[in-house]
Protein backbone atom coordinates (compact mmCIF):
# COMPACT_ATOMS: atom_id res chain seq x y z
CA MET A 1 255.37 -84.43 30.38
CA LEU A 2 252.58 -84.65 32.92
CA VAL A 3 250.16 -87.50 32.19
CA VAL A 4 247.13 -87.70 34.45
CA THR A 5 243.82 -89.53 34.52
CA THR A 6 242.08 -86.49 36.00
CA GLU A 7 240.31 -83.89 33.89
CA GLY A 8 242.33 -81.01 35.31
CA LEU A 9 245.70 -80.21 36.83
CA PRO A 10 245.56 -78.61 40.27
CA GLY A 11 248.16 -75.86 40.47
CA TYR A 12 248.17 -75.39 36.69
CA GLU A 13 246.09 -73.43 34.23
CA ILE A 14 245.32 -75.21 30.97
CA THR A 15 245.93 -72.47 28.40
CA THR A 16 245.53 -74.49 25.21
CA VAL A 17 243.70 -77.70 24.35
CA LEU A 18 245.42 -79.38 21.40
CA GLY A 19 243.07 -82.35 21.03
CA GLU A 20 243.04 -86.11 21.42
CA VAL A 21 246.25 -88.09 21.26
CA LEU A 22 246.69 -91.83 21.33
CA GLY A 23 249.20 -94.62 21.34
CA VAL A 24 248.36 -98.05 19.96
CA VAL A 25 250.11 -101.37 20.51
CA ALA A 26 249.07 -104.67 18.96
CA THR A 27 250.02 -107.74 20.95
CA SER A 28 249.52 -111.47 20.60
CA ARG A 29 246.95 -113.35 22.67
CA ASN A 30 249.44 -116.20 22.81
CA PRO A 31 251.66 -115.60 25.87
CA PHE A 32 254.40 -117.84 24.47
CA ALA A 33 254.52 -115.86 21.20
CA ALA A 34 254.90 -112.77 23.37
CA GLY A 35 258.00 -114.28 24.99
CA ILE A 36 256.42 -115.51 28.24
CA ARG A 37 258.24 -118.67 29.35
CA SER A 38 255.61 -120.11 31.67
CA THR A 39 251.98 -119.51 32.57
CA GLU A 40 251.78 -122.24 35.21
CA GLY A 41 250.27 -121.09 38.45
CA GLY A 42 248.65 -118.07 36.82
CA PRO A 43 250.26 -114.86 35.72
CA GLY A 44 253.72 -114.60 37.20
CA ALA A 45 256.51 -112.07 37.08
CA ASP A 46 257.07 -112.66 33.36
CA MET A 47 253.43 -112.00 32.52
CA SER A 48 253.16 -108.99 34.85
CA GLN A 49 256.32 -107.44 33.41
CA PHE A 50 255.06 -108.03 29.87
CA LEU A 51 251.75 -106.31 30.66
CA VAL A 52 253.52 -103.32 32.23
CA GLN A 53 255.84 -103.03 29.21
CA THR A 54 252.91 -103.20 26.77
CA ARG A 55 251.05 -100.41 28.56
CA SER A 56 254.24 -98.37 28.79
CA ARG A 57 254.77 -98.65 25.04
CA ALA A 58 251.23 -97.41 24.38
CA VAL A 59 251.69 -94.50 26.81
CA GLY A 60 255.08 -93.70 25.25
CA GLN A 61 253.51 -93.45 21.79
CA MET A 62 250.75 -91.22 23.17
CA VAL A 63 253.31 -88.94 24.87
CA ALA A 64 255.33 -88.71 21.62
CA ALA A 65 252.18 -87.70 19.73
CA ALA A 66 251.41 -85.02 22.35
CA GLU A 67 254.96 -83.65 22.25
CA HIS A 68 254.79 -83.53 18.46
CA ARG A 69 251.72 -81.28 18.79
CA GLY A 70 253.47 -78.99 21.28
CA ALA A 71 251.81 -80.24 24.48
CA ASN A 72 253.45 -80.39 27.88
CA ALA A 73 250.68 -82.42 29.52
CA ILE A 74 247.96 -84.98 28.84
CA VAL A 75 244.73 -84.96 30.84
CA GLY A 76 241.98 -87.58 31.02
CA MET A 77 244.32 -90.45 30.09
CA ARG A 78 242.59 -93.81 29.69
CA PHE A 79 243.29 -97.28 28.34
CA ASP A 80 241.09 -99.29 26.03
CA HIS A 81 241.49 -102.59 24.24
CA ARG A 82 239.79 -104.62 21.54
CA ASP A 83 240.22 -107.86 19.68
CA VAL A 84 241.72 -107.30 16.24
CA THR A 85 241.69 -110.98 15.24
CA ASN A 86 241.48 -114.27 17.12
CA THR A 87 245.19 -113.97 17.89
CA TRP A 88 245.80 -110.21 18.19
CA VAL A 89 244.65 -107.59 20.68
CA GLU A 90 244.94 -103.82 20.33
CA LEU A 91 245.80 -101.80 23.45
CA CYS A 92 245.18 -98.08 23.18
CA ALA A 93 246.25 -95.30 25.55
CA TYR A 94 244.44 -92.03 24.88
CA GLY A 95 243.90 -88.62 26.39
CA THR A 96 243.73 -84.91 25.66
CA ALA A 97 246.95 -83.06 24.83
CA VAL A 98 247.17 -79.66 26.50
CA VAL A 99 249.52 -76.81 27.28
CA ALA A 100 249.50 -76.21 31.04
CA VAL A 101 251.18 -73.37 32.91
CA ALA A 102 252.04 -73.64 36.60
CA LEU A 103 250.22 -71.15 38.82
CA ASN A 104 251.73 -69.29 41.74
CA VAL A 105 249.78 -70.93 44.56
CA ARG A 106 249.51 -67.76 46.68
CA THR A 107 248.39 -65.29 44.04
CA GLY A 108 246.89 -67.47 41.34
CA ALA A 109 249.22 -65.79 38.85
CA HIS A 110 251.38 -67.67 36.39
CA ALA A 111 254.70 -68.77 37.85
CA ALA A 112 257.75 -67.19 36.25
């Protein structure tokens, strides 16, 4: 699955637009509740790894939604977040699910 932040895919023709897909993860504002052992000295390896994992989970859900709709790519991928409560934050990955076909670079025809 190709996932890009751009609006198009150079070298591909988007043949079908299947619509918006998203992945949502709710996470605690409390770093200790999230399993972070220490916040001393600012965000460390634990915090960085946790943030990467949280974003990856949201992207994974988005990809699963796109695959379920028959997509092989997602264009215009973005992240957003919002407070759900004083202790919970929602992280959302979203984009447009599409079917993209590789082009033959020399002729502009679809690749076999």
